[in-house]
Amino acid sequence: MLLVEQLAMTALKLADRAYVLERGTVALCGTAEAVAADPAVQSVYLGAEPVP
């Protein structure tokens, strides 16, 4: 099943794997947990402050 969702955290909670697209290109892919833990994803897509 393919899920396209604007609420990133909701999608990551439901998914086994995740893909981040930037300008039509896959910028990052992996398990939902790994993608959610990525500092750039947290900052840009999830609204969290990056960890220094």
PDB file of N, CA and C in Angstrom:
ATOM      1  N   MET A   1       0.840  -1.159   0.000  1.00  0.00           N
ATOM      2  CA  MET A   1       0.000   0.000   0.000  1.00  0.00           C
ATOM      3  C   MET A   1       0.899   1.240   0.000  1.00  0.00           C
ATOM      4  N   LEU A   2       0.504   2.234  -0.741  1.00  0.00           N
ATOM      5  CA  LEU A   2       1.203   3.515  -0.778  1.00  0.00           C
ATOM      6  C   LEU A   2       0.341   4.545  -0.066  1.00  0.00           C
ATOM      7  N   LEU A   3       0.938   5.255   0.871  1.00  0.00           N
ATOM      8  CA  LEU A   3       0.243   6.285   1.627  1.00  0.00           C
ATOM      9  C   LEU A   3       0.955   7.609   1.376  1.00  0.00           C
ATOM     10  N   VAL A   4       0.218   8.580   0.879  1.00  0.00           N
ATOM     11  CA  VAL A   4       0.747   9.929   0.699  1.00  0.00           C
ATOM     12  C   VAL A   4      -0.007  10.802   1.687  1.00  0.00           C
ATOM     13  N   GLU A   5       0.722  11.420   2.601  1.00  0.00           N
ATOM     14  CA  GLU A   5       0.086  12.115   3.714  1.00  0.00           C
ATOM     15  C   GLU A   5       0.832  13.400   4.025  1.00  0.00           C
ATOM     16  N   GLN A   6       0.105  14.473   4.257  1.00  0.00           N
ATOM     17  CA  GLN A   6       0.692  15.757   4.628  1.00  0.00           C
ATOM     18  C   GLN A   6       1.099  15.789   6.102  1.00  0.00           C
ATOM     19  N   LEU A   7       0.474  14.983   6.917  1.00  0.00           N
ATOM     20  CA  LEU A   7       0.811  14.917   8.339  1.00  0.00           C
ATOM     21  C   LEU A   7       1.895  13.849   8.511  1.00  0.00           C
ATOM     22  N   ALA A   8       3.149  14.295   8.459  1.00  0.00           N
ATOM     23  CA  ALA A   8       4.276  13.370   8.409  1.00  0.00           C
ATOM     24  C   ALA A   8       4.319  12.419   9.601  1.00  0.00           C
ATOM     25  N   MET A   9       4.111  12.901  10.801  1.00  0.00           N
ATOM     26  CA  MET A   9       4.183  12.016  11.972  1.00  0.00           C
ATOM     27  C   MET A   9       3.106  10.943  11.917  1.00  0.00           C
ATOM     28  N   THR A  10       1.927  11.282  11.443  1.00  0.00           N
ATOM     29  CA  THR A  10       0.859  10.295  11.301  1.00  0.00           C
ATOM     30  C   THR A  10       1.284   9.205  10.329  1.00  0.00           C
ATOM     31  N   ALA A  11       1.846   9.607   9.201  1.00  0.00           N
ATOM     32  CA  ALA A  11       2.288   8.636   8.201  1.00  0.00           C
ATOM     33  C   ALA A  11       3.413   7.767   8.744  1.00  0.00           C
ATOM     34  N   LEU A  12       4.362   8.370   9.454  1.00  0.00           N
ATOM     35  CA  LEU A  12       5.488   7.604   9.987  1.00  0.00           C
ATOM     36  C   LEU A  12       5.049   6.608  11.052  1.00  0.00           C
ATOM     37  N   LYS A  13       4.003   6.914  11.789  1.00  0.00           N
ATOM     38  CA  LYS A  13       3.490   5.971  12.795  1.00  0.00           C
ATOM     39  C   LYS A  13       2.822   4.761  12.144  1.00  0.00           C
ATOM     40  N   LEU A  14       2.284   4.952  10.937  1.00  0.00           N
ATOM     41  CA  LEU A  14       1.575   3.875  10.243  1.00  0.00           C
ATOM     42  C   LEU A  14       2.486   3.038   9.350  1.00  0.00           C
ATOM     43  N   ALA A  15       3.578   3.612   8.918  1.00  0.00           N
ATOM     44  CA  ALA A  15       4.403   2.989   7.877  1.00  0.00           C
ATOM     45  C   ALA A  15       5.497   2.089   8.435  1.00  0.00           C
ATOM     46  N   ASP A  16       5.866   1.104   7.625  1.00  0.00           N
ATOM     47  CA  ASP A  16       7.051   0.290   7.905  1.00  0.00           C
ATOM     48  C   ASP A  16       8.278   0.956   7.292  1.00  0.00           C
ATOM     49  N   ARG A  17       8.119   1.499   6.080  1.00  0.00           N
ATOM     50  CA  ARG A  17       9.199   2.167   5.361  1.00  0.00           C
ATOM     51  C   ARG A  17       8.730   3.562   4.971  1.00  0.00           C
ATOM     52  N   ALA A  18       9.693   4.469   4.803  1.00  0.00           N
ATOM     53  CA  ALA A  18       9.369   5.845   4.448  1.00  0.00           C
ATOM     54  C   ALA A  18      10.331   6.353   3.389  1.00  0.00           C
ATOM     55  N   TYR A  19       9.830   7.267   2.585  1.00  0.00           N
ATOM     56  CA  TYR A  19      10.614   7.907   1.528  1.00  0.00           C
ATOM     57  C   TYR A  19      10.379   9.401   1.629  1.00  0.00           C
ATOM     58  N   VAL A  20      11.451  10.168   1.560  1.00  0.00           N
ATOM     59  CA  VAL A  20      11.358  11.620   1.550  1.00  0.00           C
ATOM     60  C   VAL A  20      11.683  12.067   0.127  1.00  0.00           C
ATOM     61  N   LEU A  21      10.748  12.779  -0.497  1.00  0.00           N
ATOM     62  CA  LEU A  21      10.943  13.265  -1.850  1.00  0.00           C
ATOM     63  C   LEU A  21      11.254  14.754  -1.818  1.00  0.00           C
ATOM     64  N   GLU A  22      12.241  15.149  -2.583  1.00  0.00           N
ATOM     65  CA  GLU A  22      12.575  16.558  -2.750  1.00  0.00           C
ATOM     66  C   GLU A  22      12.685  16.829  -4.238  1.00  0.00           C
ATOM     67  N   ARG A  23      11.824  17.706  -4.732  1.00  0.00           N
ATOM     68  CA  ARG A  23      11.823  18.076  -6.154  1.00  0.00           C
ATOM     69  C   ARG A  23      11.728  16.860  -7.064  1.00  0.00           C
ATOM     70  N   GLY A  24      10.905  15.897  -6.671  1.00  0.00           N
ATOM     71  CA  GLY A  24      10.665  14.718  -7.488  1.00  0.00           C
ATOM     72  C   GLY A  24      11.715  13.633  -7.406  1.00  0.00           C
ATOM     73  N   THR A  25      12.671  13.784  -6.498  1.00  0.00           N
ATOM     74  CA  THR A  25      13.739  12.806  -6.336  1.00  0.00           C
ATOM     75  C   THR A  25      13.722  12.261  -4.914  1.00  0.00           C
ATOM     76  N   VAL A  26      13.999  10.968  -4.776  1.00  0.00           N
ATOM     77  CA  VAL A  26      14.071  10.371  -3.441  1.00  0.00           C
ATOM     78  C   VAL A  26      15.335  10.890  -2.763  1.00  0.00           C
ATOM     79  N   ALA A  27      15.152  11.660  -1.700  1.00  0.00           N
ATOM     80  CA  ALA A  27      16.273  12.233  -0.962  1.00  0.00           C
ATOM     81  C   ALA A  27      16.712  11.339   0.188  1.00  0.00           C
ATOM     82  N   LEU A  28      15.780  10.540   0.712  1.00  0.00           N
ATOM     83  CA  LEU A  28      16.068   9.683   1.854  1.00  0.00           C
ATOM     84  C   LEU A  28      15.042   8.564   1.885  1.00  0.00           C
ATOM     85  N   CYS A  29      15.480   7.363   2.207  1.00  0.00           N
ATOM     86  CA  CYS A  29      14.546   6.255   2.386  1.00  0.00           C
ATOM     87  C   CYS A  29      15.088   5.338   3.462  1.00  0.00           C
ATOM     88  N   GLY A  30      14.201   4.611   4.092  1.00  0.00           N
ATOM     89  CA  GLY A  30      14.592   3.676   5.141  1.00  0.00           C
ATOM     90  C   GLY A  30      13.390   3.285   5.963  1.00  0.00           C
ATOM     91  N   THR A  31      13.646   2.671   7.098  1.00  0.00           N
ATOM     92  CA  THR A  31      12.535   2.339   7.986  1.00  0.00           C
ATOM     93  C   THR A  31      11.898   3.639   8.474  1.00  0.00           C
ATOM     94  N   ALA A  32      10.662   3.569   8.847  1.00  0.00           N
ATOM     95  CA  ALA A  32       9.979   4.765   9.344  1.00  0.00           C
ATOM     96  C   ALA A  32      10.695   5.331  10.558  1.00  0.00           C
ATOM     97  N   GLU A  33      11.200   4.449  11.412  1.00  0.00           N
ATOM     98  CA  GLU A  33      11.904   4.897  12.609  1.00  0.00           C
ATOM     99  C   GLU A  33      13.193   5.637  12.254  1.00  0.00           C
ATOM    100  N   ALA A  34      13.943   5.105  11.291  1.00  0.00           N
ATOM    101  CA  ALA A  34      15.199   5.736  10.887  1.00  0.00           C
ATOM    102  C   ALA A  34      14.962   7.084  10.225  1.00  0.00           C
ATOM    103  N   VAL A  35      13.952   7.150   9.375  1.00  0.00           N
ATOM    104  CA  VAL A  35      13.641   8.419   8.709  1.00  0.00           C
ATOM    105  C   VAL A  35      13.179   9.445   9.735  1.00  0.00           C
ATOM    106  N   ALA A  36      12.340   9.030  10.675  1.00  0.00           N
ATOM    107  CA  ALA A  36      11.857   9.955  11.710  1.00  0.00           C
ATOM    108  C   ALA A  36      12.983  10.444  12.602  1.00  0.00           C
ATOM    109  N   ALA A  37      14.031   9.652  12.764  1.00  0.00           N
ATOM    110  CA  ALA A  37      15.146  10.025  13.634  1.00  0.00           C
ATOM    111  C   ALA A  37      16.183  10.897  12.925  1.00  0.00           C
ATOM    112  N   ASP A  38      16.083  11.030  11.610  1.00  0.00           N
ATOM    113  CA  ASP A  38      17.049  11.822  10.852  1.00  0.00           C
ATOM    114  C   ASP A  38      16.923  13.299  11.236  1.00  0.00           C
ATOM    115  N   PRO A  39      18.022  13.958  11.623  1.00  0.00           N
ATOM    116  CA  PRO A  39      17.960  15.358  12.061  1.00  0.00           C
ATOM    117  C   PRO A  39      17.392  16.306  11.009  1.00  0.00           C
ATOM    118  N   ALA A  40      17.719  16.091   9.746  1.00  0.00           N
ATOM    119  CA  ALA A  40      17.188  16.970   8.691  1.00  0.00           C
ATOM    120  C   ALA A  40      15.687  16.790   8.544  1.00  0.00           C
ATOM    121  N   VAL A  41      15.213  15.566   8.620  1.00  0.00           N
ATOM    122  CA  VAL A  41      13.766  15.309   8.532  1.00  0.00           C
ATOM    123  C   VAL A  41      13.057  15.940   9.725  1.00  0.00           C
ATOM    124  N   GLN A  42      13.642  15.792  10.903  1.00  0.00           N
ATOM    125  CA  GLN A  42      13.033  16.387  12.090  1.00  0.00           C
ATOM    126  C   GLN A  42      12.918  17.902  11.945  1.00  0.00           C
ATOM    127  N   SER A  43      13.952  18.523  11.455  1.00  0.00           N
ATOM    128  CA  SER A  43      13.979  19.979  11.331  1.00  0.00           C
ATOM    129  C   SER A  43      13.038  20.481  10.241  1.00  0.00           C
ATOM    130  N   VAL A  44      13.130  19.899   9.052  1.00  0.00           N
ATOM    131  CA  VAL A  44      12.394  20.412   7.899  1.00  0.00           C
ATOM    132  C   VAL A  44      10.942  19.953   7.868  1.00  0.00           C
ATOM    133  N   TYR A  45      10.686  18.672   8.153  1.00  0.00           N
ATOM    134  CA  TYR A  45       9.355  18.106   7.960  1.00  0.00           C
ATOM    135  C   TYR A  45       8.551  17.932   9.237  1.00  0.00           C
ATOM    136  N   LEU A  46       9.239  17.765  10.365  1.00  0.00           N
ATOM    137  CA  LEU A  46       8.515  17.493  11.606  1.00  0.00           C
ATOM    138  C   LEU A  46       8.480  18.687  12.547  1.00  0.00           C
ATOM    139  N   GLY A  47       9.201  19.742  12.205  1.00  0.00           N
ATOM    140  CA  GLY A  47       9.161  20.968  12.996  1.00  0.00           C
ATOM    141  C   GLY A  47       9.949  20.926  14.276  1.00  0.00           C
ATOM    142  N   ALA A  48      10.841  19.963  14.426  1.00  0.00           N
ATOM    143  CA  ALA A  48      11.644  19.845  15.637  1.00  0.00           C
ATOM    144  C   ALA A  48      12.958  20.592  15.449  1.00  0.00           C
ATOM    145  N   GLU A  49      13.523  21.022  16.534  1.00  0.00           N
ATOM    146  CA  GLU A  49      14.846  21.639  16.488  1.00  0.00           C
ATOM    147  C   GLU A  49      15.891  20.548  16.325  1.00  0.00           C
ATOM    148  N   PRO A  50      16.851  20.736  15.412  1.00  0.00           N
ATOM    149  CA  PRO A  50      17.891  19.717  15.262  1.00  0.00           C
ATOM    150  C   PRO A  50      18.735  19.611  16.529  1.00  0.00           C
ATOM    151  N   VAL A  51      19.187  18.407  16.806  1.00  0.00           N
ATOM    152  CA  VAL A  51      20.038  18.167  17.970  1.00  0.00           C
ATOM    153  C   VAL A  51      21.479  18.491  17.561  1.00  0.00           C
ATOM    154  N   PRO A  52      22.175  19.346  18.339  1.00  0.00           N
ATOM    155  CA  PRO A  52      23.544  19.710  17.953  1.00  0.00           C
ATOM    156  C   PRO A  52      24.514  18.556  18.055  1.00  0.00           C
TER     157      PRO A  52
END
